[in-house]
N, C-alpha and C. Protein backbone atom coordinates (compact mmCIF):
# COMPACT_ATOMS: atom_id res chain seq x y z
N MET A 1 -9.08 17.23 -4.24
CA MET A 1 -9.85 16.27 -3.90
C MET A 1 -11.34 15.52 -4.87
N VAL A 2 -11.03 15.11 -5.35
CA VAL A 2 -12.24 14.23 -5.59
C VAL A 2 -13.46 13.99 -4.97
N LEU A 3 -12.87 12.62 -4.41
CA LEU A 3 -14.00 12.29 -3.42
C LEU A 3 -13.40 12.13 -1.95
N PRO A 4 -14.00 12.61 -1.19
CA PRO A 4 -13.00 12.66 0.44
C PRO A 4 -13.39 10.99 1.02
N ARG A 5 -14.27 10.69 1.02
CA ARG A 5 -14.44 9.26 1.64
C ARG A 5 -15.46 8.57 0.72
N VAL A 6 -14.99 7.08 0.17
CA VAL A 6 -14.97 6.31 -0.14
C VAL A 6 -15.07 4.94 0.23
N MET A 7 -16.40 4.08 0.63
CA MET A 7 -15.80 2.46 0.54
C MET A 7 -15.06 1.79 -0.52
N VAL A 8 -14.09 1.22 0.15
CA VAL A 8 -13.24 0.22 -0.33
C VAL A 8 -13.88 -1.32 -0.61
N LEU A 9 -14.10 -1.89 -1.74
CA LEU A 9 -14.40 -3.10 -1.64
C LEU A 9 -13.81 -4.32 -1.63
N ALA A 10 -12.57 -3.70 -2.38
CA ALA A 10 -11.52 -4.83 -2.55
C ALA A 10 -10.65 -3.91 -3.04
N VAL A 11 -9.13 -4.63 -2.99
CA VAL A 11 -7.99 -4.31 -3.29
C VAL A 11 -7.03 -5.20 -4.04
N GLY A 12 -6.11 -5.53 -5.14
CA GLY A 12 -6.03 -6.39 -5.87
C GLY A 12 -4.83 -6.07 -6.82
N SER A 13 -4.26 -7.23 -6.73
CA SER A 13 -2.98 -6.82 -8.19
C SER A 13 -3.95 -7.03 -9.58
N PRO A 14 -3.71 -6.31 -11.17
CA PRO A 14 -4.53 -6.40 -11.93
C PRO A 14 -4.12 -8.07 -12.63
N GLY A 15 -4.92 -8.79 -13.13
CA GLY A 15 -4.81 -10.13 -13.22
C GLY A 15 -5.06 -11.25 -12.12
N SER A 16 -4.92 -10.71 -10.75
CA SER A 16 -4.95 -11.61 -9.73
C SER A 16 -6.62 -12.31 -9.59
N GLY A 17 -7.39 -11.83 -10.39
CA GLY A 17 -8.83 -12.41 -9.79
C GLY A 17 -9.68 -11.82 -8.94
N GLN A 18 -8.79 -10.38 -7.83
CA GLN A 18 -9.06 -9.87 -7.14
C GLN A 18 -9.73 -8.06 -7.43
N GLY A 19 -10.74 -7.73 -6.69
CA GLY A 19 -11.00 -6.45 -6.63
C GLY A 19 -12.28 -6.34 -8.01
N GLY A 20 -12.38 -7.23 -8.60
CA GLY A 20 -13.27 -7.13 -9.61
C GLY A 20 -14.68 -8.31 -9.58
N SER A 21 -15.35 -7.24 -8.41
CA SER A 21 -16.35 -7.74 -7.95
C SER A 21 -17.85 -7.57 -9.04
N GLY A 22 -17.77 -6.97 -10.00
CA GLY A 22 -18.58 -6.53 -10.63
C GLY A 22 -19.59 -5.62 -10.14
N SER A 23 -19.51 -5.07 -8.53
CA SER A 23 -20.33 -3.74 -8.36
C SER A 23 -19.53 -3.01 -7.76
N GLY A 24 -19.15 -1.62 -8.42
CA GLY A 24 -18.40 -0.20 -7.96
C GLY A 24 -17.79 -0.54 -9.11
N LEU A 25 -16.38 0.17 -8.89
CA LEU A 25 -15.73 1.04 -9.66
C LEU A 25 -14.59 0.13 -9.75
N ASN A 26 -13.82 0.12 -11.15
CA ASN A 26 -12.53 -0.99 -11.03
C ASN A 26 -11.38 0.58 -11.38
N ALA A 27 -10.42 0.78 -10.62
CA ALA A 27 -9.68 2.00 -11.04
C ALA A 27 -8.03 1.06 -10.69
N GLY A 28 -7.34 1.40 -11.77
CA GLY A 28 -6.15 0.95 -11.52
C GLY A 28 -5.23 1.44 -12.16
N SER A 29 -3.60 1.25 -12.12
CA SER A 29 -2.83 1.65 -12.89
C SER A 29 -1.92 0.26 -13.50
N GLN A 30 -1.68 0.40 -14.27
CA GLN A 30 -0.70 -0.84 -15.14
C GLN A 30 0.73 -0.79 -14.88
N SER A 31 1.08 0.64 -14.53
CA SER A 31 2.90 1.03 -14.79
C SER A 31 3.18 0.83 -13.34
N GLN A 32 4.64 0.41 -13.12
CA GLN A 32 4.97 0.56 -11.26
C GLN A 32 4.42 -0.47 -10.69
N GLY A 33 3.97 -1.63 -10.94
CA GLY A 33 3.49 -2.65 -10.38
C GLY A 33 1.60 -2.16 -9.50
N GLY A 34 1.36 -1.37 -10.58
CA GLY A 34 -0.16 -1.15 -10.24
C GLY A 34 -0.98 -1.60 -9.63
N VAL A 35 -2.06 -1.12 -8.79
CA VAL A 35 -3.14 -2.12 -7.75
C VAL A 35 -4.45 -1.88 -8.77
N LEU A 36 -6.06 -2.51 -8.47
CA LEU A 36 -6.55 -2.59 -8.78
C LEU A 36 -7.65 -2.61 -7.65
N VAL A 37 -8.29 -1.18 -7.50
CA VAL A 37 -9.13 -0.76 -6.18
C VAL A 37 -10.45 -0.87 -6.76
N THR A 38 -11.40 -1.43 -5.93
CA THR A 38 -12.92 -1.53 -6.71
C THR A 38 -13.56 -0.74 -5.19
N LEU A 39 -14.43 0.67 -5.71
CA LEU A 39 -14.61 1.20 -5.15
C LEU A 39 -16.23 1.14 -5.02
N ALA A 40 -16.80 1.80 -4.07
CA ALA A 40 -18.46 1.43 -4.16
C ALA A 40 -18.55 2.85 -4.49
N VAL A 41 -19.24 3.34 -5.46
CA VAL A 41 -19.91 4.55 -6.07
C VAL A 41 -20.99 4.90 -6.23
N ASP A 42 -21.40 6.02 -6.30
CA ASP A 42 -22.95 5.87 -7.16
C ASP A 42 -22.03 6.29 -8.62
N GLN A 43 -23.12 6.53 -9.65
CA GLN A 43 -23.00 6.84 -11.18
C GLN A 43 -21.97 8.07 -11.58
N ALA A 44 -22.64 8.89 -10.40
CA ALA A 44 -21.90 10.16 -10.93
C ALA A 44 -20.30 10.30 -10.10
N ASP A 45 -20.08 9.67 -8.92
CA ASP A 45 -18.83 9.73 -8.67
C ASP A 45 -18.42 8.40 -9.74
N ALA A 46 -18.97 7.49 -9.93
CA ALA A 46 -17.86 7.01 -10.96
C ALA A 46 -17.48 7.27 -12.07
N GLU A 47 -18.32 8.32 -12.56
CA GLU A 47 -17.84 9.25 -13.98
C GLU A 47 -16.71 10.02 -13.27
N ARG A 48 -16.93 10.75 -12.23
CA ARG A 48 -15.76 12.01 -12.12
C ARG A 48 -14.41 10.72 -11.74
N VAL A 49 -14.37 9.69 -11.39
CA VAL A 49 -13.59 8.55 -11.06
C VAL A 49 -12.63 8.32 -12.52
N ILE A 50 -13.48 8.01 -13.13
CA ILE A 50 -13.00 7.16 -14.96
C ILE A 50 -12.69 8.47 -15.31
N GLN A 51 -13.03 9.73 -15.38
CA GLN A 51 -12.24 11.10 -16.06
C GLN A 51 -11.04 11.21 -15.15
N LEU A 52 -10.69 10.68 -13.89
CA LEU A 52 -9.55 11.03 -13.46
C LEU A 52 -8.40 10.24 -13.97
N THR A 53 -9.09 8.87 -13.91
CA THR A 53 -8.06 8.03 -14.29
C THR A 53 -7.99 7.98 -15.88
N GLU A 54 -8.66 8.60 -16.60
CA GLU A 54 -7.87 8.75 -18.33
C GLU A 54 -7.19 10.07 -18.10
N THR A 55 -7.35 10.93 -17.33
CA THR A 55 -6.33 12.26 -17.47
C THR A 55 -4.91 12.11 -16.18
N GLY A 56 -5.01 11.16 -16.11
CA GLY A 56 -4.19 11.20 -14.74
C GLY A 56 -3.83 9.91 -13.81
N LEU A 57 -3.17 10.10 -13.43
CA LEU A 57 -2.93 9.05 -12.24
C LEU A 57 -3.59 9.02 -10.82
N PRO A 58 -4.84 8.54 -10.40
CA PRO A 58 -5.15 8.86 -9.17
C PRO A 58 -4.52 8.82 -7.99
N TYR A 59 -4.78 9.28 -7.17
CA TYR A 59 -3.73 8.82 -5.48
C TYR A 59 -4.96 8.55 -4.83
N LEU A 60 -4.77 7.81 -4.08
CA LEU A 60 -5.76 7.25 -2.78
C LEU A 60 -5.06 7.10 -1.51
N ALA A 61 -5.42 7.69 -0.04
CA ALA A 61 -5.13 7.75 1.23
C ALA A 61 -5.93 6.89 1.77
N LEU A 62 -5.19 6.49 3.02
CA LEU A 62 -6.05 5.32 4.11
C LEU A 62 -6.41 6.48 4.97
N LEU A 63 -7.69 6.58 5.75
CA LEU A 63 -7.85 7.87 6.25
C LEU A 63 -8.69 7.07 8.07
N THR A 64 -7.66 7.67 8.89
CA THR A 64 -8.34 7.44 10.17
C THR A 64 -9.62 7.80 10.74
N PRO A 65 -10.40 7.29 11.19
CA PRO A 65 -11.59 8.23 11.76
C PRO A 65 -11.28 9.62 12.55
N ALA A 66 -10.14 9.73 12.77
CA ALA A 66 -9.85 11.38 13.41
C ALA A 66 -9.10 11.90 12.37
N SER A 67 -9.10 11.29 10.88
CA SER A 67 -8.64 12.08 9.81
C SER A 67 -9.39 13.20 9.62
N GLN A 68 -8.82 14.39 9.10
CA GLN A 68 -9.63 15.35 8.71
C GLN A 68 -9.50 15.61 6.97
N THR A 69 -10.88 15.81 5.92
CA THR A 69 -10.92 16.52 4.81
C THR A 69 -11.15 17.45 4.58
N GLY A 70 -10.85 17.84 3.40
CA GLY A 70 -11.68 19.11 2.84
C GLY A 70 -11.35 19.15 1.60
N PHE A 71 -11.50 20.12 0.62
CA PHE A 71 -11.89 20.35 -0.71
C PHE A 71 -10.72 22.04 -0.89
N ASP A 72 -9.76 21.97 -1.89
CA ASP A 72 -9.42 23.16 -1.49
C ASP A 72 -10.01 23.95 -2.57
N THR A 73 -10.30 25.30 -1.72
CA THR A 73 -11.41 26.08 -2.42
C THR A 73 -10.81 27.13 -2.89
N GLY A 74 -9.11 27.11 -3.10
CA GLY A 74 -8.79 28.20 -4.20
C GLY A 74 -8.29 27.89 -5.41
N SER A 75 -8.37 26.91 -5.60
CA SER A 75 -7.96 26.15 -7.25
C SER A 75 -8.80 25.78 -7.95
N GLN A 76 -8.58 25.56 -9.30
CA GLN A 76 -10.01 25.95 -10.09
C GLN A 76 -10.68 23.90 -9.96
N PRO A 77 -11.85 23.84 -10.19
CA PRO A 77 -12.43 22.69 -10.03
C PRO A 77 -12.16 22.01 -11.13
N LEU A 78 -12.00 20.91 -10.87
CA LEU A 78 -11.40 19.57 -11.63
C LEU A 78 -12.75 19.21 -12.61
N PHE A 79 -13.87 19.21 -12.10
CA PHE A 79 -14.85 18.72 -12.78
C PHE A 79 -15.69 20.14 -12.99
N GLN A 80 -16.82 19.94 -14.05
CA GLN A 80 -17.54 21.39 -14.35
C GLN A 80 -18.98 20.86 -13.70
N GLN A 81 -20.25 20.88 -13.30
CA GLN A 81 -21.47 20.36 -12.72
C GLN A 81 -22.51 21.17 -13.53
């Protein structure tokens, strides 16, 4: 897990005019009917998401207030700090 909780500003199809508000980060996939997601993140988190999108396909999950998230401490870290 790269970012456990992030505010989503917009969701749209690439080229639909949605999702590109200019603030936040745009991460999407052109393959298999990709979706453009605009996230509200700081500079460090934006760099993590950019690296993730360049090295693989990011997965997103919708969480409820009762959802519990955590980091897998048994694996190799994705990003060195």
